[in-house]
C-alpha atoms as a PDB file:
ATOM      1  CA  MET A   1    -130.790-164.108-138.752  1.00  0.00           C
ATOM      2  CA  GLN A   2    -133.464-166.176-140.497  1.00  0.00           C
ATOM      3  CA  ALA A   3    -134.139-163.374-142.994  1.00  0.00           C
ATOM      4  CA  LYS A   4    -130.413-163.165-143.784  1.00  0.00           C
ATOM      5  CA  LYS A   5    -130.265-166.918-144.246  1.00  0.00           C
ATOM      6  CA  ASN A   6    -133.163-166.835-146.682  1.00  0.00           C
ATOM      7  CA  MET A   7    -131.611-163.909-148.541  1.00  0.00           C
ATOM      8  CA  ASN A   8    -128.370-165.854-148.967  1.00  0.00           C
ATOM      9  CA  ASN A   9    -130.351-168.666-150.568  1.00  0.00           C
ATOM     10  CA  THR A  10    -131.991-166.487-153.203  1.00  0.00           C
ATOM     11  CA  ILE A  11    -131.068-166.674-156.867  1.00  0.00           C
ATOM     12  CA  SER A  12    -132.081-164.329-159.666  1.00  0.00           C
ATOM     13  CA  ARG A  13    -132.565-164.879-163.366  1.00  0.00           C
ATOM     14  CA  ASN A  14    -129.993-163.502-165.736  1.00  0.00           C
ATOM     15  CA  ALA A  15    -131.295-160.303-167.321  1.00  0.00           C
ATOM     16  CA  LEU A  16    -132.099-160.764-171.000  1.00  0.00           C
ATOM     17  CA  PHE A  17    -131.324-157.180-172.100  1.00  0.00           C
ATOM     18  CA  ASN A  18    -128.957-155.413-169.741  1.00  0.00           C
ATOM     19  CA  PRO A  19    -127.162-152.297-171.054  1.00  0.00           C
ATOM     20  CA  ASN A  20    -125.852-151.622-167.542  1.00  0.00           C
ATOM     21  CA  GLY A  21    -124.145-155.010-167.250  1.00  0.00           C
ATOM     22  CA  ASP A  22    -120.536-155.275-166.057  1.00  0.00           C
ATOM     23  CA  THR A  23    -117.787-155.504-168.652  1.00  0.00           C
ATOM     24  CA  ASP A  24    -115.056-156.037-166.060  1.00  0.00           C
ATOM     25  CA  LEU A  25    -114.135-159.744-166.121  1.00  0.00           C
ATOM     26  CA  ARG A  26    -113.165-159.579-162.453  1.00  0.00           C
ATOM     27  CA  LYS A  27    -116.836-159.001-161.600  1.00  0.00           C
ATOM     28  CA  ARG A  28    -118.148-161.893-163.683  1.00  0.00           C
ATOM     29  CA  ARG A  29    -119.722-164.688-161.652  1.00  0.00           C
ATOM     30  CA  MET A  30    -121.266-168.073-162.379  1.00  0.00           C
ATOM     31  CA  ILE A  31    -124.513-166.986-160.703  1.00  0.00           C
ATOM     32  CA  GLY A  32    -125.598-163.663-159.231  1.00  0.00           C
ATOM     33  CA  GLY A  33    -123.505-161.586-161.618  1.00  0.00           C
ATOM     34  CA  ASN A  34    -124.492-158.573-163.692  1.00  0.00           C
ATOM     35  CA  SER A  35    -123.927-159.823-167.233  1.00  0.00           C
ATOM     36  CA  THR A  36    -124.304-157.864-170.466  1.00  0.00           C
ATOM     37  CA  ASN A  37    -125.043-161.208-172.197  1.00  0.00           C
ATOM     38  CA  LEU A  38    -122.650-160.238-174.993  1.00  0.00           C
ATOM     39  CA  ASN A  39    -121.125-163.311-176.629  1.00  0.00           C
ATOM     40  CA  ASP A  40    -117.531-162.119-176.647  1.00  0.00           C
ATOM     41  CA  PHE A  41    -115.315-165.094-177.481  1.00  0.00           C
ATOM     42  CA  ASN A  42    -112.111-163.146-176.798  1.00  0.00           C
ATOM     43  CA  ASN A  43    -112.830-162.034-173.255  1.00  0.00           C
ATOM     44  CA  VAL A  44    -113.809-164.882-170.969  1.00  0.00           C
ATOM     45  CA  LYS A  45    -113.305-165.375-167.256  1.00  0.00           C
ATOM     46  CA  TYR A  46    -113.609-169.157-167.304  1.00  0.00           C
ATOM     47  CA  ALA A  47    -110.803-170.034-169.699  1.00  0.00           C
ATOM     48  CA  TRP A  48    -111.707-173.735-169.861  1.00  0.00           C
ATOM     49  CA  THR A  49    -114.881-172.860-171.789  1.00  0.00           C
ATOM     50  CA  SER A  50    -112.860-171.967-174.907  1.00  0.00           C
ATOM     51  CA  ASP A  51    -111.445-175.472-175.254  1.00  0.00           C
ATOM     52  CA  TRP A  52    -114.756-177.039-174.280  1.00  0.00           C
ATOM     53  CA  TYR A  53    -116.624-175.025-176.922  1.00  0.00           C
ATOM     54  CA  ARG A  54    -114.189-175.961-179.681  1.00  0.00           C
ATOM     55  CA  GLN A  55    -114.248-179.640-178.731  1.00  0.00           C
ATOM     56  CA  ALA A  56    -118.039-179.757-178.602  1.00  0.00           C
ATOM     57  CA  MET A  57    -118.334-178.080-181.990  1.00  0.00           C
ATOM     58  CA  ASN A  58    -115.870-180.560-183.486  1.00  0.00           C
ATOM     59  CA  ASN A  59    -117.968-183.424-182.130  1.00  0.00           C
ATOM     60  CA  PHE A  60    -120.798-182.625-184.556  1.00  0.00           C
ATOM     61  CA  TRP A  61    -122.368-185.716-186.084  1.00  0.00           C
ATOM     62  CA  ILE A  62    -125.599-186.809-187.769  1.00  0.00           C
ATOM     63  CA  PRO A  63    -127.395-189.992-186.631  1.00  0.00           C
ATOM     64  CA  GLU A  64    -128.306-191.037-190.169  1.00  0.00           C
ATOM     65  CA  GLU A  65    -124.606-191.196-191.088  1.00  0.00           C
ATOM     66  CA  ILE A  66    -124.482-194.551-189.331  1.00  0.00           C
ATOM     67  CA  ASN A  67    -125.570-197.647-191.237  1.00  0.00           C
ATOM     68  CA  LEU A  68    -128.132-199.744-189.328  1.00  0.00           C
ATOM     69  CA  ALA A  69    -128.610-202.395-192.015  1.00  0.00           C
ATOM     70  CA  GLN A  70    -127.110-205.152-189.850  1.00  0.00           C
ATOM     71  CA  ASP A  71    -129.156-204.029-186.838  1.00  0.00           C
ATOM     72  CA  ILE A  72    -132.362-204.406-188.848  1.00  0.00           C
ATOM     73  CA  LYS A  73    -131.395-208.042-189.449  1.00  0.00           C
ATOM     74  CA  ASP A  74    -130.171-208.671-185.887  1.00  0.00           C
ATOM     75  CA  TYR A  75    -133.007-207.149-183.855  1.00  0.00           C
ATOM     76  CA  PRO A  76    -135.679-209.818-184.553  1.00  0.00           C
ATOM     77  CA  HIS A  77    -133.179-212.533-183.615  1.00  0.00           C
ATOM     78  CA  LEU A  78    -131.984-211.129-180.296  1.00  0.00           C
ATOM     79  CA  GLU A  79    -132.401-213.408-177.320  1.00  0.00           C
ATOM     80  CA  PRO A  80    -135.528-212.558-175.250  1.00  0.00           C
ATOM     81  CA  ALA A  81    -133.392-211.118-172.433  1.00  0.00           C
ATOM     82  CA  GLU A  82    -131.398-209.029-174.935  1.00  0.00           C
ATOM     83  CA  ARG A  83    -134.556-207.756-176.605  1.00  0.00           C
ATOM     84  CA  LYS A  84    -136.092-206.808-173.251  1.00  0.00           C
ATOM     85  CA  ALA A  85    -132.929-204.983-172.167  1.00  0.00           C
ATOM     86  CA  TYR A  86    -132.557-203.224-175.532  1.00  0.00           C
ATOM     87  CA  ASP A  87    -136.122-201.894-175.425  1.00  0.00           C
ATOM     88  CA  LYS A  88    -136.137-200.793-171.795  1.00  0.00           C
ATOM     89  CA  ILE A  89    -132.704-199.201-171.848  1.00  0.00           C
ATOM     90  CA  LEU A  90    -133.544-197.312-175.026  1.00  0.00           C
ATOM     91  CA  SER A  91    -136.796-196.091-173.445  1.00  0.00           C
ATOM     92  CA  PHE A  92    -134.804-194.854-170.463  1.00  0.00           C
ATOM     93  CA  LEU A  93    -132.223-193.071-172.601  1.00  0.00           C
ATOM     94  CA  VAL A  94    -134.927-191.401-174.709  1.00  0.00           C
ATOM     95  CA  PHE A  95    -136.523-190.021-171.571  1.00  0.00           C
ATOM     96  CA  LEU A  96    -133.248-188.782-170.085  1.00  0.00           C
ATOM     97  CA  ASP A  97    -132.186-186.834-173.165  1.00  0.00           C
ATOM     98  CA  SER A  98    -135.692-185.406-173.568  1.00  0.00           C
ATOM     99  CA  LEU A  99    -135.616-184.284-169.940  1.00  0.00           C
ATOM    100  CA  GLN A 100    -132.179-182.743-170.423  1.00  0.00           C
ATOM    101  CA  SER A 101    -133.182-180.737-173.481  1.00  0.00           C
ATOM    102  CA  ASN A 102    -136.006-179.187-171.459  1.00  0.00           C
ATOM    103  CA  ASN A 103    -134.054-178.618-168.245  1.00  0.00           C
ATOM    104  CA  LEU A 104    -130.876-177.041-169.624  1.00  0.00           C
ATOM    105  CA  PRO A 105    -132.592-173.788-170.701  1.00  0.00           C
ATOM    106  CA  CYS A 106    -133.936-173.496-167.134  1.00  0.00           C
ATOM    107  CA  VAL A 107    -130.393-173.803-165.764  1.00  0.00           C
ATOM    108  CA  SER A 108    -128.940-171.289-168.222  1.00  0.00           C
ATOM    109  CA  GLU A 109    -131.505-168.672-167.172  1.00  0.00           C
ATOM    110  CA  TYR A 110    -129.612-168.342-163.894  1.00  0.00           C
ATOM    111  CA  ILE A 111    -126.039-168.573-165.201  1.00  0.00           C
ATOM    112  CA  THR A 112    -124.556-165.069-165.471  1.00  0.00           C
ATOM    113  CA  ALA A 113    -121.377-165.988-167.384  1.00  0.00           C
ATOM    114  CA  ASN A 114    -122.142-165.803-171.089  1.00  0.00           C
ATOM    115  CA  GLU A 115    -119.266-168.128-172.044  1.00  0.00           C
ATOM    116  CA  VAL A 116    -120.751-170.874-169.854  1.00  0.00           C
ATOM    117  CA  ASN A 117    -124.197-170.330-171.323  1.00  0.00           C
ATOM    118  CA  LEU A 118    -122.748-170.793-174.806  1.00  0.00           C
ATOM    119  CA  CYS A 119    -121.582-174.234-173.715  1.00  0.00           C
ATOM    120  CA  LEU A 120    -124.982-175.064-172.212  1.00  0.00           C
ATOM    121  CA  HIS A 121    -126.707-174.099-175.456  1.00  0.00           C
ATOM    122  CA  ILE A 122    -124.470-176.482-177.409  1.00  0.00           C
ATOM    123  CA  GLN A 123    -125.185-179.244-174.922  1.00  0.00           C
ATOM    124  CA  ASP A 124    -128.908-178.604-175.333  1.00  0.00           C
ATOM    125  CA  PHE A 125    -128.548-178.984-179.107  1.00  0.00           C
ATOM    126  CA  GLN A 126    -126.593-182.208-178.674  1.00  0.00           C
ATOM    127  CA  GLU A 127    -129.292-183.668-176.419  1.00  0.00           C
ATOM    128  CA  CYS A 128    -131.748-183.070-179.264  1.00  0.00           C
ATOM    129  CA  VAL A 129    -129.414-184.916-181.647  1.00  0.00           C
ATOM    130  CA  HIS A 130    -129.308-187.818-179.188  1.00  0.00           C
ATOM    131  CA  SER A 131    -133.096-187.960-179.124  1.00  0.00           C
ATOM    132  CA  GLN A 132    -133.078-187.964-182.919  1.00  0.00           C
ATOM    133  CA  SER A 133    -130.556-190.819-182.839  1.00  0.00           C
ATOM    134  CA  TYR A 134    -132.798-192.984-180.649  1.00  0.00           C
ATOM    135  CA  SER A 135    -135.749-192.288-182.938  1.00  0.00           C
ATOM    136  CA  TYR A 136    -133.655-193.234-185.959  1.00  0.00           C
ATOM    137  CA  MET A 137    -132.683-196.500-184.279  1.00  0.00           C
ATOM    138  CA  LEU A 138    -136.285-197.348-183.414  1.00  0.00           C
ATOM    139  CA  ASP A 139    -137.689-196.289-186.789  1.00  0.00           C
ATOM    140  CA  SER A 140    -135.150-198.548-188.480  1.00  0.00           C
ATOM    141  CA  ILE A 141    -135.535-201.742-186.483  1.00  0.00           C
ATOM    142  CA  CYS A 142    -139.195-202.010-185.498  1.00  0.00           C
ATOM    143  CA  SER A 143    -142.762-201.165-186.492  1.00  0.00           C
ATOM    144  CA  PRO A 144    -144.437-197.857-185.536  1.00  0.00           C
ATOM    145  CA  GLU A 145    -146.531-199.703-182.941  1.00  0.00           C
ATOM    146  CA  GLU A 146    -143.453-201.276-181.335  1.00  0.00           C
ATOM    147  CA  ARG A 147    -141.680-197.941-181.507  1.00  0.00           C
ATOM    148  CA  ASN A 148    -144.420-196.155-179.545  1.00  0.00           C
ATOM    149  CA  ASP A 149    -144.530-198.947-176.976  1.00  0.00           C
ATOM    150  CA  ILE A 150    -140.782-198.611-176.370  1.00  0.00           C
ATOM    151  CA  LEU A 151    -140.854-194.811-176.251  1.00  0.00           C
ATOM    152  CA  TYR A 152    -143.440-194.765-173.471  1.00  0.00           C
ATOM    153  CA  GLN A 153    -142.346-197.716-171.374  1.00  0.00           C
ATOM    154  CA  TRP A 154    -141.269-195.198-168.734  1.00  0.00           C
ATOM    155  CA  LYS A 155    -144.987-194.591-168.140  1.00  0.00           C
ATOM    156  CA  THR A 156    -145.960-198.259-167.835  1.00  0.00           C
ATOM    157  CA  ASP A 157    -142.901-199.848-166.190  1.00  0.00           C
ATOM    158  CA  GLU A 158    -142.987-198.960-162.483  1.00  0.00           C
ATOM    159  CA  HIS A 159    -139.252-199.545-162.039  1.00  0.00           C
ATOM    160  CA  LEU A 160    -138.438-197.252-164.936  1.00  0.00           C
ATOM    161  CA  LEU A 161    -140.840-194.595-163.672  1.00  0.00           C
ATOM    162  CA  ARG A 162    -139.170-194.629-160.237  1.00  0.00           C
ATOM    163  CA  ARG A 163    -135.797-194.069-161.885  1.00  0.00           C
ATOM    164  CA  ASN A 164    -137.023-191.102-163.883  1.00  0.00           C
ATOM    165  CA  THR A 165    -138.813-189.645-160.857  1.00  0.00           C
ATOM    166  CA  PHE A 166    -135.583-189.254-158.844  1.00  0.00           C
ATOM    167  CA  ILE A 167    -133.977-186.875-161.351  1.00  0.00           C
ATOM    168  CA  GLY A 168    -137.271-185.377-162.550  1.00  0.00           C
ATOM    169  CA  ASP A 169    -138.284-184.356-159.035  1.00  0.00           C
ATOM    170  CA  CYS A 170    -134.978-182.515-158.520  1.00  0.00           C
ATOM    171  CA  TYR A 171    -135.498-180.619-161.752  1.00  0.00           C
ATOM    172  CA  ASN A 172    -139.114-179.833-160.869  1.00  0.00           C
ATOM    173  CA  GLU A 173    -138.099-178.590-157.413  1.00  0.00           C
ATOM    174  CA  PHE A 174    -135.756-176.040-158.972  1.00  0.00           C
ATOM    175  CA  HIS A 175    -138.269-175.081-161.652  1.00  0.00           C
ATOM    176  CA  ASP A 176    -141.042-174.521-159.077  1.00  0.00           C
ATOM    177  CA  ASN A 177    -138.901-172.965-156.330  1.00  0.00           C
ATOM    178  CA  PRO A 178    -135.641-171.571-157.714  1.00  0.00           C
ATOM    179  CA  ASN A 179    -133.059-170.843-155.040  1.00  0.00           C
ATOM    180  CA  LYS A 180    -129.377-171.555-154.588  1.00  0.00           C
ATOM    181  CA  LEU A 181    -129.905-174.910-152.893  1.00  0.00           C
ATOM    182  CA  SER A 182    -132.409-176.226-155.433  1.00  0.00           C
ATOM    183  CA  PHE A 183    -130.065-174.931-158.157  1.00  0.00           C
ATOM    184  CA  MET A 184    -127.127-176.852-156.669  1.00  0.00           C
ATOM    185  CA  LYS A 185    -129.247-179.990-156.314  1.00  0.00           C
ATOM    186  CA  THR A 186    -130.150-179.668-159.989  1.00  0.00           C
ATOM    187  CA  LEU A 187    -126.466-179.422-160.919  1.00  0.00           C
ATOM    188  CA  ILE A 188    -125.668-182.516-158.856  1.00  0.00           C
ATOM    189  CA  ALA A 189    -128.640-184.353-160.367  1.00  0.00           C
ATOM    190  CA  ASN A 190    -127.341-183.419-163.810  1.00  0.00           C
ATOM    191  CA  PHE A 191    -123.883-184.701-162.865  1.00  0.00           C
ATOM    192  CA  ILE A 192    -125.460-187.977-161.701  1.00  0.00           C
ATOM    193  CA  LEU A 193    -127.445-188.264-164.932  1.00  0.00           C
ATOM    194  CA  GLU A 194    -124.480-187.567-167.201  1.00  0.00           C
ATOM    195  CA  GLY A 195    -121.899-189.484-165.167  1.00  0.00           C
ATOM    196  CA  ILE A 196    -123.736-192.502-163.783  1.00  0.00           C
ATOM    197  CA  TYR A 197    -127.252-192.941-165.143  1.00  0.00           C
ATOM    198  CA  PHE A 198    -126.265-193.548-168.754  1.00  0.00           C
ATOM    199  CA  TYR A 199    -123.565-196.096-168.202  1.00  0.00           C
ATOM    200  CA  SER A 200    -125.283-199.420-167.584  1.00  0.00           C
ATOM    201  CA  GLY A 201    -127.146-198.689-170.830  1.00  0.00           C
ATOM    202  CA  PHE A 202    -123.973-197.822-172.696  1.00  0.00           C
ATOM    203  CA  MET A 203    -122.218-200.974-171.488  1.00  0.00           C
ATOM    204  CA  PHE A 204    -125.159-203.093-172.635  1.00  0.00           C
ATOM    205  CA  PHE A 205    -124.973-201.792-176.215  1.00  0.00           C
ATOM    206  CA  TYR A 206    -121.190-202.203-176.291  1.00  0.00           C
ATOM    207  CA  ASN A 207    -121.573-205.749-175.011  1.00  0.00           C
ATOM    208  CA  LEU A 208    -124.025-206.550-177.816  1.00  0.00           C
ATOM    209  CA  SER A 209    -121.483-205.337-180.341  1.00  0.00           C
ATOM    210  CA  ARG A 210    -118.779-207.343-178.575  1.00  0.00           C
ATOM    211  CA  ASN A 211    -120.968-210.384-179.157  1.00  0.00           C
ATOM    212  CA  GLY A 212    -121.332-209.534-182.854  1.00  0.00           C
ATOM    213  CA  LYS A 213    -124.836-208.049-182.610  1.00  0.00           C
ATOM    214  CA  MET A 214    -126.351-204.611-183.363  1.00  0.00           C
ATOM    215  CA  PRO A 215    -123.097-202.895-184.429  1.00  0.00           C
ATOM    216  CA  GLY A 216    -124.872-199.789-185.721  1.00  0.00           C
ATOM    217  CA  SER A 217    -126.617-199.229-182.395  1.00  0.00           C
ATOM    218  CA  ALA A 218    -123.278-199.461-180.611  1.00  0.00           C
ATOM    219  CA  GLN A 219    -121.801-196.883-182.972  1.00  0.00           C
ATOM    220  CA  GLU A 220    -124.697-194.485-182.341  1.00  0.00           C
ATOM    221  CA  ILE A 221    -124.137-194.949-178.606  1.00  0.00           C
ATOM    222  CA  ARG A 222    -120.396-194.390-179.022  1.00  0.00           C
ATOM    223  CA  TYR A 223    -120.995-190.942-180.496  1.00  0.00           C
ATOM    224  CA  ILE A 224    -123.560-190.168-177.799  1.00  0.00           C
ATOM    225  CA  ASN A 225    -121.104-191.358-175.151  1.00  0.00           C
ATOM    226  CA  ARG A 226    -118.472-188.998-176.517  1.00  0.00           C
ATOM    227  CA  ASP A 227    -120.876-186.062-176.205  1.00  0.00           C
ATOM    228  CA  GLU A 228    -121.887-187.102-172.687  1.00  0.00           C
ATOM    229  CA  ASN A 229    -118.245-187.025-171.618  1.00  0.00           C
ATOM    230  CA  THR A 230    -118.062-183.353-172.604  1.00  0.00           C
ATOM    231  CA  HIS A 231    -121.339-182.669-170.766  1.00  0.00           C
ATOM    232  CA  LEU A 232    -119.933-184.336-167.680  1.00  0.00           C
ATOM    233  CA  TRP A 233    -116.840-182.143-167.805  1.00  0.00           C
ATOM    234  CA  LEU A 234    -118.987-179.042-168.258  1.00  0.00           C
ATOM    235  CA  PHE A 235    -121.054-179.637-165.137  1.00  0.00           C
ATOM    236  CA  ARG A 236    -118.050-180.762-163.141  1.00  0.00           C
ATOM    237  CA  ASN A 237    -116.367-177.441-163.925  1.00  0.00           C
ATOM    238  CA  ILE A 238    -119.500-175.415-163.150  1.00  0.00           C
ATOM    239  CA  ILE A 239    -119.773-177.120-159.754  1.00  0.00           C
ATOM    240  CA  ARG A 240    -116.075-176.571-158.985  1.00  0.00           C
ATOM    241  CA  GLU A 241    -116.307-172.880-159.917  1.00  0.00           C
ATOM    242  CA  LEU A 242    -119.340-172.464-157.678  1.00  0.00           C
ATOM    243  CA  GLU A 243    -117.434-174.042-154.812  1.00  0.00           C
ATOM    244  CA  LYS A 244    -114.989-171.121-155.071  1.00  0.00           C
ATOM    245  CA  GLU A 245    -117.624-168.419-155.526  1.00  0.00           C
ATOM    246  CA  GLU A 246    -120.447-169.699-153.305  1.00  0.00           C
ATOM    247  CA  PRO A 247    -118.708-171.468-150.379  1.00  0.00           C
ATOM    248  CA  GLU A 248    -121.894-171.340-148.282  1.00  0.00           C
ATOM    249  CA  MET A 249    -123.343-173.889-150.700  1.00  0.00           C
ATOM    250  CA  PHE A 250    -120.526-176.301-149.819  1.00  0.00           C
ATOM    251  CA  THR A 251    -120.731-176.503-146.044  1.00  0.00           C
ATOM    252  CA  PRO A 252    -120.210-180.002-144.608  1.00  0.00           C
ATOM    253  CA  GLU A 253    -123.981-180.386-144.249  1.00  0.00           C
ATOM    254  CA  LYS A 254    -124.667-179.485-147.867  1.00  0.00           C
ATOM    255  CA  VAL A 255    -121.819-181.629-149.195  1.00  0.00           C
ATOM    256  CA  GLU A 256    -123.321-184.530-147.244  1.00  0.00           C
ATOM    257  CA  LEU A 257    -126.661-183.827-148.951  1.00  0.00           C
ATOM    258  CA  TYR A 258    -124.967-183.970-152.364  1.00  0.00           C
ATOM    259  CA  LYS A 259    -123.162-187.150-151.330  1.00  0.00           C
ATOM    260  CA  GLN A 260    -126.428-188.820-150.397  1.00  0.00           C
ATOM    261  CA  MET A 261    -127.811-187.848-153.810  1.00  0.00           C
ATOM    262  CA  MET A 262    -124.797-189.487-155.469  1.00  0.00           C
ATOM    263  CA  LEU A 263    -125.204-192.609-153.353  1.00  0.00           C
ATOM    264  CA  GLU A 264    -128.879-192.812-154.295  1.00  0.00           C
ATOM    265  CA  GLY A 265    -127.970-192.375-157.958  1.00  0.00           C
ATOM    266  CA  VAL A 266    -125.491-195.250-157.726  1.00  0.00           C
ATOM    267  CA  ARG A 267    -128.012-197.427-155.885  1.00  0.00           C
ATOM    268  CA  GLN A 268    -130.685-196.788-158.496  1.00  0.00           C
ATOM    269  CA  GLU A 269    -128.310-197.440-161.379  1.00  0.00           C
ATOM    270  CA  ILE A 270    -127.239-200.756-159.857  1.00  0.00           C
ATOM    271  CA  ASP A 271    -130.858-201.787-159.212  1.00  0.00           C
ATOM    272  CA  TRP A 272    -131.778-200.816-162.762  1.00  0.00           C
ATOM    273  CA  GLY A 273    -128.811-202.630-164.302  1.00  0.00           C
ATOM    274  CA  GLN A 274    -129.656-205.785-162.391  1.00  0.00           C
ATOM    275  CA  TYR A 275    -133.309-205.449-163.429  1.00  0.00           C
ATOM    276  CA  VAL A 276    -132.685-205.087-167.173  1.00  0.00           C
ATOM    277  CA  ILE A 277    -129.379-206.993-167.473  1.00  0.00           C
ATOM    278  CA  GLY A 278    -129.011-209.218-164.414  1.00  0.00           C
ATOM    279  CA  ASP A 279    -127.338-212.545-165.152  1.00  0.00           C
ATOM    280  CA  GLU A 280    -129.218-213.300-168.375  1.00  0.00           C
ATOM    281  CA  ILE A 281    -127.051-211.424-170.890  1.00  0.00           C
ATOM    282  CA  GLN A 282    -124.028-213.169-172.382  1.00  0.00           C
ATOM    283  CA  GLY A 283    -120.860-211.323-171.385  1.00  0.00           C
ATOM    284  CA  LEU A 284    -122.368-209.434-168.432  1.00  0.00           C
ATOM    285  CA  SER A 285    -123.426-210.308-164.899  1.00  0.00           C
ATOM    286  CA  SER A 286    -125.153-208.526-162.037  1.00  0.00           C
ATOM    287  CA  LYS A 287    -121.847-208.367-160.132  1.00  0.00           C
ATOM    288  CA  MET A 288    -120.043-206.836-163.109  1.00  0.00           C
ATOM    289  CA  VAL A 289    -122.769-204.193-163.332  1.00  0.00           C
ATOM    290  CA  SER A 290    -122.603-203.478-159.592  1.00  0.00           C
ATOM    291  CA  ASP A 291    -118.815-203.248-159.439  1.00  0.00           C
ATOM    292  CA  TYR A 292    -118.633-200.999-162.493  1.00  0.00           C
ATOM    293  CA  ILE A 293    -121.319-198.578-161.311  1.00  0.00           C
ATOM    294  CA  ARG A 294    -119.754-198.335-157.851  1.00  0.00           C
ATOM    295  CA  TYR A 295    -116.443-197.599-159.570  1.00  0.00           C
ATOM    296  CA  LEU A 296    -118.092-194.843-161.617  1.00  0.00           C
ATOM    297  CA  GLY A 297    -119.666-193.397-158.471  1.00  0.00           C
ATOM    298  CA  ASN A 298    -116.242-193.243-156.846  1.00  0.00           C
ATOM    299  CA  LEU A 299    -114.747-191.712-159.979  1.00  0.00           C
ATOM    300  CA  ARG A 300    -117.402-188.990-160.236  1.00  0.00           C
ATOM    301  CA  TRP A 301    -117.439-188.020-156.558  1.00  0.00           C
ATOM    302  CA  HIS A 302    -113.649-187.969-156.395  1.00  0.00           C
ATOM    303  CA  SER A 303    -113.509-185.708-159.467  1.00  0.00           C
ATOM    304  CA  LEU A 304    -115.454-183.097-157.498  1.00  0.00           C
ATOM    305  CA  GLY A 305    -112.745-183.158-154.833  1.00  0.00           C
ATOM    306  CA  PHE A 306    -114.767-184.905-152.125  1.00  0.00           C
ATOM    307  CA  GLY A 307    -112.935-188.218-151.766  1.00  0.00           C
ATOM    308  CA  TYR A 308    -114.669-191.545-152.462  1.00  0.00           C
ATOM    309  CA  LEU A 309    -118.166-192.876-151.924  1.00  0.00           C
ATOM    310  CA  PHE A 310    -116.964-196.418-151.234  1.00  0.00           C
ATOM    311  CA  GLU A 311    -113.813-197.925-149.788  1.00  0.00           C
ATOM    312  CA  ASP A 312    -113.798-200.619-152.466  1.00  0.00           C
ATOM    313  CA  ASN A 313    -114.250-200.289-156.255  1.00  0.00           C
ATOM    314  CA  ARG A 314    -111.766-197.433-156.523  1.00  0.00           C
ATOM    315  CA  LYS A 315    -110.118-198.991-159.567  1.00  0.00           C
ATOM    316  CA  GLU A 316    -111.758-199.899-162.836  1.00  0.00           C
ATOM    317  CA  PRO A 317    -112.721-203.593-162.684  1.00  0.00           C
ATOM    318  CA  GLU A 318    -110.428-205.601-164.940  1.00  0.00           C
ATOM    319  CA  ASN A 319    -113.362-207.503-166.426  1.00  0.00           C
ATOM    320  CA  MET A 320    -114.966-204.194-167.506  1.00  0.00           C
ATOM    321  CA  GLN A 321    -111.992-202.505-169.149  1.00  0.00           C
ATOM    322  CA  TRP A 322    -113.399-203.365-172.573  1.00  0.00           C
ATOM    323  CA  VAL A 323    -116.118-200.732-171.986  1.00  0.00           C
ATOM    324  CA  GLY A 324    -113.562-197.941-172.285  1.00  0.00           C
ATOM    325  CA  LEU A 325    -112.194-199.417-175.492  1.00  0.00           C
ATOM    326  CA  TYR A 326    -115.650-199.449-177.054  1.00  0.00           C
ATOM    327  CA  SER A 327    -116.571-195.952-175.890  1.00  0.00           C
ATOM    328  CA  ASN A 328    -113.341-194.287-177.014  1.00  0.00           C
ATOM    329  CA  ALA A 329    -113.947-193.075-180.574  1.00  0.00           C
ATOM    330  CA  ASN A 330    -110.335-192.983-181.719  1.00  0.00           C
ATOM    331  CA  MET A 331    -108.075-193.013-178.638  1.00  0.00           C
ATOM    332  CA  VAL A 332    -107.250-189.297-178.993  1.00  0.00           C
ATOM    333  CA  LYS A 333    -106.982-187.894-175.478  1.00  0.00           C
ATOM    334  CA  THR A 334    -108.290-184.440-174.647  1.00  0.00           C
ATOM    335  CA  ASP A 335    -107.438-183.514-171.078  1.00  0.00           C
ATOM    336  CA  PHE A 336    -109.863-180.887-169.828  1.00  0.00           C
ATOM    337  CA  PHE A 337    -108.737-181.465-166.251  1.00  0.00           C
ATOM    338  CA  GLU A 338    -105.627-179.494-167.175  1.00  0.00           C
ATOM    339  CA  ALA A 339    -107.571-177.397-169.727  1.00  0.00           C
ATOM    340  CA  LYS A 340    -105.210-178.503-172.495  1.00  0.00           C
ATOM    341  CA  SER A 341    -106.099-180.300-175.691  1.00  0.00           C
ATOM    342  CA  THR A 342    -103.727-182.570-177.549  1.00  0.00           C
ATOM    343  CA  ALA A 343    -105.785-182.744-180.745  1.00  0.00           C
ATOM    344  CA  TYR A 344    -108.897-181.388-182.346  1.00  0.00           C
ATOM    345  CA  ALA A 345    -110.718-183.285-185.047  1.00  0.00           C
ATOM    346  CA  LYS A 346    -114.277-184.259-185.785  1.00  0.00           C
ATOM    347  CA  SER A 347    -113.623-187.684-184.322  1.00  0.00           C
ATOM    348  CA  SER A 348    -111.655-186.585-181.266  1.00  0.00           C
ATOM    349  CA  THR A 349    -112.882-187.537-177.840  1.00  0.00           C
ATOM    350  CA  ILE A 350    -112.634-186.765-174.166  1.00  0.00           C
ATOM    351  CA  VAL A 351    -111.354-189.805-172.326  1.00  0.00           C
ATOM    352  CA  ASP A 352    -113.691-190.678-169.485  1.00  0.00           C
ATOM    353  CA  ASP A 353    -111.189-190.381-166.625  1.00  0.00           C
ATOM    354  CA  LEU A 354    -113.331-187.892-164.743  1.00  0.00           C
END
């Protein structure tokens, strides 16, 4: 019985060159399939990937397109609490996107649906663009010495290091001991990163812009936010497909494990938001941060079909509704929940109702 249990937990890498791979779509699987690795855009099992791919490609942008002239003037005059939050949040975001660009290829090695891997490769590229965007912001507003100090604050700030360790350890566990459970934990960790970890940072930059400061930084973040929404949808769909194909990975005990990961992600995001934002930033408060992150935790967990994490904070706090207005590039709704798109344009966006 134990040997069978261990066998059920095994996971194998996708073959790189596989002439004997299955061409029958009915045999295609998210993991554990026998893929030819042929990028055939006309024959896909997971139909939602076609819309996702087109949307992600239409989201293409270049960081240097955004004018940071006003930010260069504003940065030296930020209030001490704003300057501290700006630097630490940017350090955190730089680390997250760097971690993502290294982890996504590890995930795709075990995905045996080529259409899903195409999406993961685009996400990987976009994470690199995000890293470039943060570097562009730092290169523009501060000296090389200040830039390096901000980039590596995650090594010197114990609170920041603890935050990075939570996600990093999940990724390392899968990298060092790949199996179905560590793979699922990596997917959940990715969902936490994309759906919760970024958002206190995003709201801070939008709040600066709302107060008439650092408008270029907010615009960079807006484009990044738009990409992250697509990444969130991608991993949500991967997880939901695996629930159908690998039900043994969604027993009540395992779902409870994933729930505890989500709860820890919410707790860490709240602690972090109160550490870097607290009650010292005009327009934000520690309670606003807490309520909004708990709302996001409920939103994310519910989108996976598992109910709510908390009895309260099920609705978007009224005093935080401005966040959605700032993050929405042009109010064009693309509804991937129903796998239908109302518009495609370079500036289109996925509304964050996931």
